[in-house]
PDB file of all heavy atoms in Angstrom:
ATOM      1  N   LYS A   1     -22.977 -12.774  10.346  1.00  0.00           N
ATOM      2  CA  LYS A   1     -23.856 -13.300  11.387  1.00  0.00           C
ATOM      3  C   LYS A   1     -23.508 -14.695  11.743  1.00  0.00           C
ATOM      4  O   LYS A   1     -23.137 -15.490  10.880  1.00  0.00           O
ATOM      5  CB  LYS A   1     -25.326 -13.231  10.907  1.00  0.00           C
ATOM      6  CG  LYS A   1     -25.802 -11.834  10.570  1.00  0.00           C
ATOM      7  CD  LYS A   1     -27.258 -11.836  10.139  1.00  0.00           C
ATOM      8  CE  LYS A   1     -27.751 -10.433   9.777  1.00  0.00           C
ATOM      9  NZ  LYS A   1     -29.170 -10.405   9.395  1.00  0.00           N
ATOM     10  N   ARG A   2     -23.660 -15.036  13.038  1.00  0.00           N
ATOM     11  CA  ARG A   2     -23.431 -16.387  13.501  1.00  0.00           C
ATOM     12  C   ARG A   2     -24.204 -16.618  14.827  1.00  0.00           C
ATOM     13  O   ARG A   2     -24.655 -15.655  15.462  1.00  0.00           O
ATOM     14  CB  ARG A   2     -21.932 -16.656  13.746  1.00  0.00           C
ATOM     15  CG  ARG A   2     -21.306 -15.789  14.821  1.00  0.00           C
ATOM     16  CD  ARG A   2     -19.770 -15.943  14.837  1.00  0.00           C
ATOM     17  NE  ARG A   2     -19.144 -15.216  15.926  1.00  0.00           N
ATOM     18  CZ  ARG A   2     -18.900 -13.906  15.899  1.00  0.00           C
ATOM     19  NH1 ARG A   2     -19.241 -13.170  14.855  1.00  0.00           N
ATOM     20  NH2 ARG A   2     -18.293 -13.328  16.931  1.00  0.00           N
ATOM     21  N   ARG A   3     -24.347 -17.870  15.174  1.00  0.00           N
ATOM     22  CA  ARG A   3     -25.015 -18.203  16.452  1.00  0.00           C
ATOM     23  C   ARG A   3     -23.950 -18.674  17.413  1.00  0.00           C
ATOM     24  O   ARG A   3     -23.051 -19.497  17.095  1.00  0.00           O
ATOM     25  CB  ARG A   3     -26.036 -19.356  16.205  1.00  0.00           C
ATOM     26  CG  ARG A   3     -27.274 -18.893  15.466  1.00  0.00           C
ATOM     27  CD  ARG A   3     -28.234 -18.205  16.406  1.00  0.00           C
ATOM     28  NE  ARG A   3     -29.446 -17.714  15.701  1.00  0.00           N
ATOM     29  CZ  ARG A   3     -30.424 -17.096  16.283  1.00  0.00           C
ATOM     30  NH1 ARG A   3     -30.368 -16.877  17.603  1.00  0.00           N
ATOM     31  NH2 ARG A   3     -31.496 -16.684  15.607  1.00  0.00           N
ATOM     32  N   LEU A   4     -24.043 -18.179  18.677  1.00  0.00           N
ATOM     33  CA  LEU A   4     -23.101 -18.559  19.716  1.00  0.00           C
ATOM     34  C   LEU A   4     -23.904 -18.806  20.963  1.00  0.00           C
ATOM     35  O   LEU A   4     -24.458 -17.922  21.580  1.00  0.00           O
ATOM     36  CB  LEU A   4     -22.087 -17.449  19.938  1.00  0.00           C
ATOM     37  CG  LEU A   4     -21.025 -17.676  21.003  1.00  0.00           C
ATOM     38  CD1 LEU A   4     -20.157 -18.887  20.603  1.00  0.00           C
ATOM     39  CD2 LEU A   4     -20.127 -16.454  21.221  1.00  0.00           C
ATOM     40  N   ASP A   5     -23.948 -20.109  21.354  1.00  0.00           N
ATOM     41  CA  ASP A   5     -24.746 -20.541  22.554  1.00  0.00           C
ATOM     42  C   ASP A   5     -26.199 -20.035  22.480  1.00  0.00           C
ATOM     43  O   ASP A   5     -26.767 -19.578  23.454  1.00  0.00           O
ATOM     44  CB  ASP A   5     -24.088 -19.972  23.840  1.00  0.00           C
ATOM     45  CG  ASP A   5     -22.724 -20.590  24.072  1.00  0.00           C
ATOM     46  OD1 ASP A   5     -22.493 -21.722  23.615  1.00  0.00           O
ATOM     47  OD2 ASP A   5     -21.835 -19.881  24.639  1.00  0.00           O
ATOM     48  N   GLY A   6     -26.777 -20.136  21.268  1.00  0.00           N
ATOM     49  CA  GLY A   6     -28.151 -19.777  21.092  1.00  0.00           C
ATOM     50  C   GLY A   6     -28.383 -18.291  20.916  1.00  0.00           C
ATOM     51  O   GLY A   6     -29.522 -17.907  20.646  1.00  0.00           O
ATOM     52  N   GLU A   7     -27.342 -17.463  20.988  1.00  0.00           N
ATOM     53  CA  GLU A   7     -27.497 -16.027  20.796  1.00  0.00           C
ATOM     54  C   GLU A   7     -27.054 -15.605  19.406  1.00  0.00           C
ATOM     55  O   GLU A   7     -26.102 -16.196  18.863  1.00  0.00           O
ATOM     56  CB  GLU A   7     -26.728 -15.295  21.874  1.00  0.00           C
ATOM     57  CG  GLU A   7     -27.250 -15.501  23.290  1.00  0.00           C
ATOM     58  CD  GLU A   7     -26.544 -14.660  24.290  1.00  0.00           C
ATOM     59  OE1 GLU A   7     -25.295 -14.576  24.210  1.00  0.00           O
ATOM     60  OE2 GLU A   7     -27.188 -14.122  25.209  1.00  0.00           O
ATOM     61  N   LEU A   8     -27.710 -14.622  18.866  1.00  0.00           N
ATOM     62  CA  LEU A   8     -27.339 -14.091  17.567  1.00  0.00           C
ATOM     63  C   LEU A   8     -26.177 -13.098  17.720  1.00  0.00           C
ATOM     64  O   LEU A   8     -26.292 -12.120  18.482  1.00  0.00           O
ATOM     65  CB  LEU A   8     -28.524 -13.403  16.902  1.00  0.00           C
ATOM     66  CG  LEU A   8     -28.275 -12.743  15.547  1.00  0.00           C
ATOM     67  CD1 LEU A   8     -27.847 -13.775  14.502  1.00  0.00           C
ATOM     68  CD2 LEU A   8     -29.478 -11.997  15.052  1.00  0.00           C
ATOM     69  N   VAL A   9     -25.096 -13.326  17.001  1.00  0.00           N
ATOM     70  CA  VAL A   9     -23.921 -12.489  17.112  1.00  0.00           C
ATOM     71  C   VAL A   9     -23.611 -11.923  15.721  1.00  0.00           C
ATOM     72  O   VAL A   9     -23.531 -12.714  14.755  1.00  0.00           O
ATOM     73  CB  VAL A   9     -22.674 -13.222  17.645  1.00  0.00           C
ATOM     74  CG1 VAL A   9     -21.490 -12.322  17.766  1.00  0.00           C
ATOM     75  CG2 VAL A   9     -22.991 -13.840  19.037  1.00  0.00           C
ATOM     76  N   GLU A  10     -23.434 -10.626  15.644  1.00  0.00           N
ATOM     77  CA  GLU A  10     -23.082  -9.961  14.353  1.00  0.00           C
ATOM     78  C   GLU A  10     -21.861  -9.131  14.579  1.00  0.00           C
ATOM     79  O   GLU A  10     -21.643  -8.500  15.597  1.00  0.00           O
ATOM     80  CB  GLU A  10     -24.255  -9.091  13.878  1.00  0.00           C
ATOM     81  CG  GLU A  10     -25.548  -9.815  13.580  1.00  0.00           C
ATOM     82  CD  GLU A  10     -26.617  -8.879  13.094  1.00  0.00           C
ATOM     83  OE1 GLU A  10     -26.452  -8.322  11.969  1.00  0.00           O
ATOM     84  OE2 GLU A  10     -27.611  -8.695  13.804  1.00  0.00           O
ATOM     85  N   SER A  11     -21.035  -9.082  13.508  1.00  0.00           N
ATOM     86  CA  SER A  11     -19.828  -8.246  13.539  1.00  0.00           C
ATOM     87  C   SER A  11     -19.707  -7.513  12.205  1.00  0.00           C
ATOM     88  O   SER A  11     -19.862  -8.121  11.119  1.00  0.00           O
ATOM     89  CB  SER A  11     -18.559  -9.099  13.786  1.00  0.00           C
ATOM     90  OG  SER A  11     -18.653  -9.816  15.014  1.00  0.00           O
ATOM     91  N   TRP A  12     -19.415  -6.244  12.254  1.00  0.00           N
ATOM     92  CA  TRP A  12     -19.157  -5.439  11.035  1.00  0.00           C
ATOM     93  C   TRP A  12     -18.285  -4.279  11.332  1.00  0.00           C
ATOM     94  O   TRP A  12     -17.889  -4.064  12.502  1.00  0.00           O
ATOM     95  CB  TRP A  12     -20.488  -4.999  10.418  1.00  0.00           C
ATOM     96  CG  TRP A  12     -21.354  -4.044  11.180  1.00  0.00           C
ATOM     97  CD1 TRP A  12     -21.336  -2.695  11.073  1.00  0.00           C
ATOM     98  CD2 TRP A  12     -22.330  -4.361  12.155  1.00  0.00           C
ATOM     99  NE1 TRP A  12     -22.284  -2.107  11.954  1.00  0.00           N
ATOM    100  CE2 TRP A  12     -22.898  -3.136  12.607  1.00  0.00           C
ATOM    101  CE3 TRP A  12     -22.811  -5.521  12.736  1.00  0.00           C
ATOM    102  CZ2 TRP A  12     -23.855  -3.035  13.602  1.00  0.00           C
ATOM    103  CZ3 TRP A  12     -23.796  -5.443  13.680  1.00  0.00           C
ATOM    104  CH2 TRP A  12     -24.315  -4.260  14.090  1.00  0.00           C
ATOM    105  N   THR A  13     -17.885  -3.498  10.323  1.00  0.00           N
ATOM    106  CA  THR A  13     -16.980  -2.389  10.486  1.00  0.00           C
ATOM    107  C   THR A  13     -17.594  -1.124   9.951  1.00  0.00           C
ATOM    108  O   THR A  13     -18.198  -1.135   8.896  1.00  0.00           O
ATOM    109  CB  THR A  13     -15.645  -2.695   9.772  1.00  0.00           C
ATOM    110  OG1 THR A  13     -15.108  -3.909  10.243  1.00  0.00           O
ATOM    111  CG2 THR A  13     -14.637  -1.584   9.991  1.00  0.00           C
ATOM    112  N   LEU A  14     -17.390  -0.036  10.683  1.00  0.00           N
ATOM    113  CA  LEU A  14     -17.865   1.279  10.310  1.00  0.00           C
ATOM    114  C   LEU A  14     -16.675   2.205  10.087  1.00  0.00           C
ATOM    115  O   LEU A  14     -15.605   2.015  10.668  1.00  0.00           O
ATOM    116  CB  LEU A  14     -18.780   1.872  11.389  1.00  0.00           C
ATOM    117  CG  LEU A  14     -20.051   1.114  11.788  1.00  0.00           C
ATOM    118  CD1 LEU A  14     -20.721   1.778  12.999  1.00  0.00           C
ATOM    119  CD2 LEU A  14     -21.004   1.031  10.619  1.00  0.00           C
ATOM    120  N   ASP A  15     -16.900   3.267   9.316  1.00  0.00           N
ATOM    121  CA  ASP A  15     -15.913   4.325   9.169  1.00  0.00           C
ATOM    122  C   ASP A  15     -16.604   5.631   9.596  1.00  0.00           C
ATOM    123  O   ASP A  15     -17.537   6.080   8.984  1.00  0.00           O
ATOM    124  CB  ASP A  15     -15.472   4.449   7.714  1.00  0.00           C
ATOM    125  CG  ASP A  15     -14.269   5.439   7.580  1.00  0.00           C
ATOM    126  OD1 ASP A  15     -14.103   6.255   8.508  1.00  0.00           O
ATOM    127  OD2 ASP A  15     -13.624   5.406   6.560  1.00  0.00           O
ATOM    128  N   CYS A  16     -16.217   6.182  10.754  1.00  0.00           N
ATOM    129  CA  CYS A  16     -16.841   7.378  11.260  1.00  0.00           C
ATOM    130  C   CYS A  16     -16.091   8.686  10.853  1.00  0.00           C
ATOM    131  O   CYS A  16     -16.345   9.747  11.483  1.00  0.00           O
ATOM    132  CB  CYS A  16     -16.905   7.269  12.799  1.00  0.00           C
ATOM    133  SG  CYS A  16     -18.056   5.987  13.377  1.00  0.00           S
ATOM    134  N   GLY A  17     -15.184   8.562   9.925  1.00  0.00           N
ATOM    135  CA  GLY A  17     -14.549   9.764   9.370  1.00  0.00           C
ATOM    136  C   GLY A  17     -13.555  10.384  10.350  1.00  0.00           C
ATOM    137  O   GLY A  17     -13.143   9.795  11.314  1.00  0.00           O
ATOM    138  N   ALA A  18     -13.217  11.634  10.019  1.00  0.00           N
ATOM    139  CA  ALA A  18     -12.189  12.331  10.774  1.00  0.00           C
ATOM    140  C   ALA A  18     -12.637  12.603  12.247  1.00  0.00           C
ATOM    141  O   ALA A  18     -11.793  12.728  13.147  1.00  0.00           O
ATOM    142  CB  ALA A  18     -11.840  13.646  10.080  1.00  0.00           C
ATOM    143  N   GLU A  19     -13.923  12.768  12.416  1.00  0.00           N
ATOM    144  CA  GLU A  19     -14.416  13.084  13.783  1.00  0.00           C
ATOM    145  C   GLU A  19     -14.324  11.854  14.693  1.00  0.00           C
ATOM    146  O   GLU A  19     -14.329  12.001  15.918  1.00  0.00           O
ATOM    147  CB  GLU A  19     -15.893  13.539  13.713  1.00  0.00           C
ATOM    148  CG  GLU A  19     -16.049  14.836  12.949  1.00  0.00           C
ATOM    149  CD  GLU A  19     -17.507  15.262  12.868  1.00  0.00           C
ATOM    150  OE1 GLU A  19     -18.089  15.520  13.951  1.00  0.00           O
ATOM    151  OE2 GLU A  19     -18.119  15.266  11.762  1.00  0.00           O
ATOM    152  N   GLY A  20     -14.321  10.687  14.161  1.00  0.00           N
ATOM    153  CA  GLY A  20     -14.198   9.498  14.991  1.00  0.00           C
ATOM    154  C   GLY A  20     -15.468   9.086  15.679  1.00  0.00           C
ATOM    155  O   GLY A  20     -16.549   9.646  15.374  1.00  0.00           O
ATOM    156  N   LEU A  21     -15.365   8.202  16.612  1.00  0.00           N
ATOM    157  CA  LEU A  21     -16.522   7.681  17.321  1.00  0.00           C
ATOM    158  C   LEU A  21     -17.100   8.609  18.339  1.00  0.00           C
ATOM    159  O   LEU A  21     -18.330   8.639  18.537  1.00  0.00           O
ATOM    160  CB  LEU A  21     -16.137   6.335  17.990  1.00  0.00           C
ATOM    161  CG  LEU A  21     -17.241   5.595  18.725  1.00  0.00           C
ATOM    162  CD1 LEU A  21     -18.351   5.175  17.776  1.00  0.00           C
ATOM    163  CD2 LEU A  21     -16.657   4.335  19.405  1.00  0.00           C
ATOM    164  N   ALA A  22     -16.247   9.469  18.975  1.00  0.00           N
ATOM    165  CA  ALA A  22     -16.725  10.399  20.007  1.00  0.00           C
ATOM    166  C   ALA A  22     -17.745  11.355  19.363  1.00  0.00           C
ATOM    167  O   ALA A  22     -17.467  11.928  18.286  1.00  0.00           O
ATOM    168  CB  ALA A  22     -15.544  11.162  20.625  1.00  0.00           C
ATOM    169  N   GLY A  23     -18.870  11.573  20.018  1.00  0.00           N
ATOM    170  CA  GLY A  23     -19.911  12.438  19.478  1.00  0.00           C
ATOM    171  C   GLY A  23     -20.944  11.757  18.657  1.00  0.00           C
ATOM    172  O   GLY A  23     -21.966  12.358  18.281  1.00  0.00           O
ATOM    173  N   ALA A  24     -20.670  10.444  18.244  1.00  0.00           N
ATOM    174  CA  ALA A  24     -21.650   9.736  17.455  1.00  0.00           C
ATOM    175  C   ALA A  24     -22.813   9.300  18.319  1.00  0.00           C
ATOM    176  O   ALA A  24     -22.635   8.951  19.514  1.00  0.00           O
ATOM    177  CB  ALA A  24     -20.977   8.527  16.829  1.00  0.00           C
TER     178      ALA A  24
END
């Protein structure tokens, strides 16, 4: 988490398995 120009910004990583992101 960090603040950028007053906005809250978050970055993280997911693993959606063999099916991938499509259909999530």
